Structure formats: C-alpha cells, structure tokens
Amino acid sequence: MQRHLAGGLAAAEAAALAARPAEAEPAPRLPTAARDELAAAVDAFDEPRAQSTLDRLLAEATVESVLTDVILPFLEELGERWERGEASVAHEHFSTSVLRGRLLGLARGWGRGLGPVALLACLPGERHELGLVAFGLALRSHGWRIAFFGSDTPLDTVEDAADALQPSLVVLSAVTPDLVHAALPQLQALASRYRVALGGAGAVALDASDLVLVLAGDPVTEAGRVTGLVDVTAAVVAQV
C-alpha cells in the first residue's frame, strides 16, 4: 500500500490494490502498449480511461520509469501527430490537463526533506510546464526539495524567491528561443549570483557562456546529471 501511495494513488485505491491476491495482479504492460492505451483515451477524450491507464502504470513501475518510458515519449508522439494533422489542439489541451493534474498530484510534498533546494519556474510568457514538472519529480527521486512556481513567472519573482530560499539550483524553462532572448540580461544577472540552468526547446538559444548549465536532454536524464554536479550530502548536512 505504501508503494501505491508513493506512486500517487489515493488511499482507497492503494488499499484496494494492496488487498489483491498476488495471482490477481496484472502483468506489466509494454511501454508501447501503454502509450497506445493513453493515446486511445486522449483521442476519445476519455478522462476516466486515461486515469485508469495511469493508475495501473504507477502501480507497476517507479515514477521515473513511467516518465521515461511512457509519458515523455507519449507527449513527443502527440506533438508529431499534431504536426501531421492527426491530432487536434483539443487533444493537446485535453492530454495536458490530464497529465498536469496527475503529475502535480504526484508532486505533493516534494518540498519536504533535508536535501538541496531546486527552484523551478517557467520564463515570462511561457505556459508549457509539463516538462518542468517532470524534471522536478525526477529531481525529487534523487533527494532534492522542490520549490515550484509554475508558468509565466516574472524573473523579479524568481530572484526574490531565490534570495529567500537560497537554492542550490534555479531551473528555468522555455519552449521558444524568443522568450529566452528577451530574458537574457536578467538571466545572466541571476546566473552571477546563483547556479542557473535552462531547460526546454528554447535552451538551444544559449551557448555555454550564457548560463551555468543548459538542459538539452530528457528530464529524467538531466536530473541525474544535475545531481552529479551538486554535493547532495553536503546540502543535507548543512540543513542539519
């Protein structure tokens, strides 16, 4: 039951799954099949079916595995389908709504603990935050504490929050390079005081001299790389 709760299920759902006899547990599904099930639910705008698919996935695997093998590839495939005219804006909005709610449910309590603090926010004008939420969940699995400020965050707000929290890392996200270029002077000023990283497709607008770190890979891989750059043990000791 504790494993199911950690996966984001409600207490009643976790208890029901824990009470099943071992032989009644369904076999884990292949990632491609799970993505197909999720796509079918999105195509039909079937929220209960999408949630049921996510329930089973989170009962079978770790959050990192679900992100790496199912959710992130699903979002990439959805984007490709949209470009080919096989998915509509409505499908994109529906899937974003379902996945955002579920991932933020998994994120409950991710600010607790004694690990290093990561401050996460989208650049001003940026409203796509799923990748940033996924990155925060992956960081959390490495022992980080997360302070999440969400979409379209003014950089003055980021700076004020950083001054209050003294984070080990400030992570900002943008999908379009234009938003990065518009914010570049403030980003450079922030990077002179804190370790700053930029994720999202807009990160290609920067070279290594602009920020301490550019997150060009997937959120799970980059969370591991970032953790290797920060002395997590020292951060915990400092908190104690």
Protein backbone atom coordinates (compact mmCIF):
# COMPACT_ATOMS: atom_id res chain seq x y z
CA MET A 1 0.00 0.00 0.00
CA GLN A 2 2.86 2.37 0.78
CA ARG A 3 4.31 1.73 -2.67
CA HIS A 4 0.99 2.58 -4.29
CA LEU A 5 0.63 5.74 -2.18
CA ALA A 6 4.13 6.81 -3.22
CA GLY A 7 3.02 6.34 -6.79
CA GLY A 8 0.30 8.93 -6.34
CA LEU A 9 -2.79 6.79 -5.83
CA ALA A 10 -5.50 7.77 -3.38
CA ALA A 11 -5.61 5.84 -0.11
CA ALA A 12 -8.70 3.86 -1.10
CA GLU A 13 -7.19 2.88 -4.44
CA ALA A 14 -3.89 1.94 -2.81
CA ALA A 15 -5.67 -0.20 -0.22
CA ALA A 16 -7.72 -2.00 -2.88
CA LEU A 17 -4.63 -2.81 -4.92
CA ALA A 18 -2.68 -3.95 -1.86
CA ALA A 19 -5.54 -6.29 -0.88
CA ARG A 20 -5.49 -8.18 -4.18
CA PRO A 21 -4.09 -11.71 -4.08
CA ALA A 22 -0.69 -11.98 -5.74
CA GLU A 23 -2.06 -14.09 -8.58
CA ALA A 24 -4.63 -11.41 -9.37
CA GLU A 25 -2.01 -8.76 -10.14
CA PRO A 26 -1.96 -7.98 -13.87
CA ALA A 27 1.26 -8.49 -15.79
CA PRO A 28 3.20 -5.32 -16.52
CA ARG A 29 2.41 -3.92 -19.93
CA LEU A 30 4.96 -2.92 -22.54
CA PRO A 31 5.66 0.82 -22.79
CA THR A 32 4.45 0.92 -26.39
CA ALA A 33 1.16 -0.70 -25.41
CA ALA A 34 0.73 1.72 -22.51
CA ARG A 35 1.35 4.69 -24.80
CA ASP A 36 -1.18 3.31 -27.26
CA GLU A 37 -3.76 2.98 -24.47
CA LEU A 38 -3.11 6.54 -23.34
CA ALA A 39 -3.37 7.81 -26.91
CA ALA A 40 -6.66 5.98 -27.42
CA ALA A 41 -8.05 7.56 -24.24
CA VAL A 42 -6.94 11.02 -25.35
CA ASP A 43 -8.36 10.55 -28.85
CA ALA A 44 -11.73 9.72 -27.28
CA PHE A 45 -11.46 12.49 -24.67
CA ASP A 46 -11.99 9.72 -22.11
CA GLU A 47 -10.57 11.07 -18.84
CA PRO A 48 -11.54 8.04 -16.67
CA ARG A 49 -9.83 5.69 -19.11
CA ALA A 50 -6.70 7.84 -19.17
CA GLN A 51 -6.62 7.93 -15.36
CA SER A 52 -7.12 4.16 -15.19
CA THR A 53 -4.17 3.64 -17.52
CA LEU A 54 -2.01 5.90 -15.37
CA ASP A 55 -3.20 4.15 -12.19
CA ARG A 56 -2.03 0.80 -13.45
CA LEU A 57 1.27 2.13 -14.75
CA LEU A 58 2.11 3.78 -11.43
CA ALA A 59 1.19 0.59 -9.59
CA GLU A 60 3.60 -1.39 -11.76
CA ALA A 61 6.64 0.87 -12.05
CA THR A 62 8.51 3.78 -10.50
CA VAL A 63 7.60 7.36 -11.32
CA GLU A 64 10.90 7.75 -13.19
CA SER A 65 10.18 4.70 -15.34
CA VAL A 66 6.66 5.90 -16.15
CA LEU A 67 8.04 9.29 -17.13
CA THR A 68 10.87 7.89 -19.23
CA ASP A 69 9.05 5.02 -20.92
CA VAL A 70 5.51 6.31 -21.29
CA ILE A 71 4.63 9.93 -20.53
CA LEU A 72 7.53 11.77 -22.17
CA PRO A 73 7.51 9.61 -25.34
CA PHE A 74 3.71 9.93 -25.45
CA LEU A 75 3.96 13.73 -25.42
CA GLU A 76 6.59 13.65 -28.14
CA GLU A 77 4.42 11.36 -30.26
CA LEU A 78 1.41 13.61 -29.68
CA GLY A 79 3.38 16.59 -30.92
CA GLU A 80 4.38 14.68 -34.05
CA ARG A 81 0.77 13.62 -34.62
CA TRP A 82 -0.34 17.25 -34.29
CA GLU A 83 2.24 18.31 -36.91
CA ARG A 84 0.90 15.63 -39.27
CA GLY A 85 -2.67 16.76 -38.68
CA GLU A 86 -3.59 13.52 -36.88
CA ALA A 87 -4.29 15.23 -33.54
CA SER A 88 -6.04 18.50 -32.81
CA VAL A 89 -5.39 21.38 -30.45
CA ALA A 90 -8.26 19.96 -28.38
CA HIS A 91 -6.37 16.67 -27.98
CA GLU A 92 -3.23 18.53 -26.91
CA HIS A 93 -5.13 20.60 -24.33
CA PHE A 94 -7.00 17.56 -23.03
CA SER A 95 -3.86 15.46 -22.58
CA THR A 96 -2.04 18.37 -20.95
CA SER A 97 -4.89 18.86 -18.49
CA VAL A 98 -4.99 15.18 -17.53
CA LEU A 99 -1.23 14.74 -17.23
CA ARG A 100 -0.63 18.05 -15.47
CA GLY A 101 -3.18 17.19 -12.80
CA ARG A 102 -1.74 13.73 -12.30
CA LEU A 103 1.90 14.80 -12.17
CA LEU A 104 1.17 17.61 -9.74
CA GLY A 105 -0.69 15.06 -7.62
CA LEU A 106 2.50 13.00 -7.51
CA ALA A 107 4.39 16.16 -6.58
CA ARG A 108 2.53 16.70 -3.31
CA GLY A 109 5.08 17.11 -0.53
CA TRP A 110 8.07 17.41 -2.85
CA GLY A 111 9.26 20.39 -0.82
CA ARG A 112 9.76 18.29 2.32
CA GLY A 113 13.04 16.81 3.49
CA LEU A 114 16.62 17.87 4.02
CA GLY A 115 18.01 17.68 0.51
CA PRO A 116 19.19 20.59 -1.65
CA VAL A 117 16.55 23.02 -2.87
CA ALA A 118 15.79 23.45 -6.56
CA LEU A 119 13.69 26.46 -7.58
CA LEU A 120 11.70 25.69 -10.74
CA ALA A 121 9.83 28.21 -12.88
CA CYS A 122 8.86 28.94 -16.49
CA LEU A 123 10.21 32.10 -18.08
CA PRO A 124 7.84 35.06 -18.52
CA GLY A 125 5.38 34.27 -21.30
CA GLU A 126 5.96 30.51 -21.13
CA ARG A 127 2.90 28.43 -20.22
CA HIS A 128 4.12 24.92 -21.07
CA GLU A 129 5.14 23.44 -17.73
CA LEU A 130 4.78 19.66 -18.06
CA GLY A 131 8.46 19.14 -18.83
CA LEU A 132 9.40 21.24 -15.82
CA VAL A 133 7.07 19.26 -13.55
CA ALA A 134 8.58 16.01 -14.85
CA PHE A 135 12.06 17.35 -14.16
CA GLY A 136 11.04 18.27 -10.62
CA LEU A 137 9.69 14.77 -9.99
CA ALA A 138 12.91 13.26 -11.30
CA LEU A 139 14.97 15.58 -9.07
CA ARG A 140 12.81 14.61 -6.12
CA SER A 141 13.69 10.94 -6.68
CA HIS A 142 17.34 11.96 -6.20
CA GLY A 143 16.60 13.58 -2.83
CA TRP A 144 16.05 17.19 -3.85
CA ARG A 145 13.44 19.51 -2.37
CA ILE A 146 11.39 21.36 -4.95
CA ALA A 147 10.05 24.91 -4.89
CA PHE A 148 7.78 25.14 -7.94
CA PHE A 149 6.49 28.46 -9.26
CA GLY A 150 4.86 27.24 -12.47
CA SER A 151 4.16 29.01 -15.74
CA ASP A 152 4.81 32.61 -16.80
CA THR A 153 6.88 33.61 -13.77
CA PRO A 154 8.38 37.13 -13.72
CA LEU A 155 12.14 37.00 -13.23
CA ASP A 156 11.89 39.54 -10.42
CA THR A 157 9.73 36.99 -8.62
CA VAL A 158 12.31 34.27 -9.28
CA GLU A 159 15.06 36.48 -7.89
CA ASP A 160 13.07 37.36 -4.75
CA ALA A 161 12.27 33.68 -4.15
CA ALA A 162 15.90 32.71 -4.69
CA ASP A 163 17.03 35.31 -2.16
CA ALA A 164 14.61 33.83 0.36
CA LEU A 165 15.30 30.15 -0.35
CA GLN A 166 18.99 30.22 -1.29
CA PRO A 167 18.53 27.26 -3.65
CA SER A 168 21.33 25.03 -4.84
CA LEU A 169 19.89 25.32 -8.34
CA VAL A 170 17.49 27.64 -10.18
CA VAL A 171 15.89 25.90 -13.17
CA LEU A 172 14.01 27.95 -15.75
CA SER A 173 12.15 26.61 -18.75
CA ALA A 174 11.07 27.93 -22.15
CA VAL A 175 9.86 26.26 -25.33
CA THR A 176 10.65 29.12 -27.72
CA PRO A 177 14.05 30.80 -28.16
CA ASP A 178 12.42 34.24 -28.42
CA LEU A 179 11.42 34.11 -24.76
CA VAL A 180 14.99 33.21 -23.82
CA HIS A 181 16.48 36.08 -25.80
CA ALA A 182 14.03 38.54 -24.24
CA ALA A 183 15.01 37.43 -20.74
CA LEU A 184 18.76 37.05 -21.38
CA PRO A 185 20.03 40.13 -19.48
CA GLN A 186 18.12 39.14 -16.34
CA LEU A 187 19.14 35.51 -16.75
CA GLN A 188 22.79 36.47 -16.88
CA ALA A 189 22.40 38.68 -13.81
CA LEU A 190 20.72 35.84 -11.93
CA ALA A 191 23.44 33.41 -13.04
CA SER A 192 26.07 35.68 -11.50
CA ARG A 193 24.53 35.02 -8.07
CA TYR A 194 23.07 31.51 -8.30
CA ARG A 195 23.66 28.29 -10.18
CA VAL A 196 21.15 28.62 -13.02
CA ALA A 197 20.04 26.14 -15.67
CA LEU A 198 17.68 26.41 -18.59
CA GLY A 199 15.54 23.59 -19.96
CA GLY A 200 13.02 23.19 -22.76
CA ALA A 201 13.41 23.57 -26.51
CA GLY A 202 14.26 27.23 -26.04
CA ALA A 203 17.55 26.26 -24.39
CA VAL A 204 19.09 25.93 -27.85
CA ALA A 205 19.16 29.73 -27.94
CA LEU A 206 22.02 29.74 -25.44
CA ASP A 207 25.64 28.76 -25.55
CA ALA A 208 27.71 27.58 -22.61
CA SER A 209 28.75 31.13 -21.71
CA ASP A 210 25.20 32.35 -21.14
CA LEU A 211 24.21 30.10 -18.25
CA VAL A 212 25.89 27.66 -15.93
CA LEU A 213 24.03 24.71 -17.41
CA VAL A 214 21.84 24.02 -20.44
CA LEU A 215 19.48 21.06 -20.02
CA ALA A 216 19.30 19.66 -23.54
CA GLY A 217 18.31 16.07 -22.71
CA ASP A 218 15.17 14.49 -21.33
CA PRO A 219 14.09 15.49 -17.79
CA VAL A 220 14.99 12.19 -16.12
CA THR A 221 18.48 12.02 -17.62
CA GLU A 222 19.18 15.66 -16.87
CA ALA A 223 18.01 15.28 -13.27
CA GLY A 224 20.66 12.61 -12.78
CA ARG A 225 23.31 14.80 -14.43
CA VAL A 226 22.43 17.83 -12.32
CA THR A 227 22.52 15.76 -9.14
CA GLY A 228 26.04 14.67 -10.03
CA LEU A 229 27.11 18.33 -10.16
CA VAL A 230 25.77 19.19 -6.71
CA ASP A 231 27.04 17.75 -3.45
CA VAL A 232 23.69 16.48 -2.16
CA THR A 233 25.23 15.08 1.03
CA ALA A 234 26.79 18.43 1.89
CA ALA A 235 23.47 20.15 1.36
CA VAL A 236 21.77 17.75 3.76
CA VAL A 237 24.47 18.22 6.39
CA ALA A 238 24.17 22.00 6.07
CA GLN A 239 20.43 21.75 6.75
CA VAL A 240 21.05 19.66 9.87
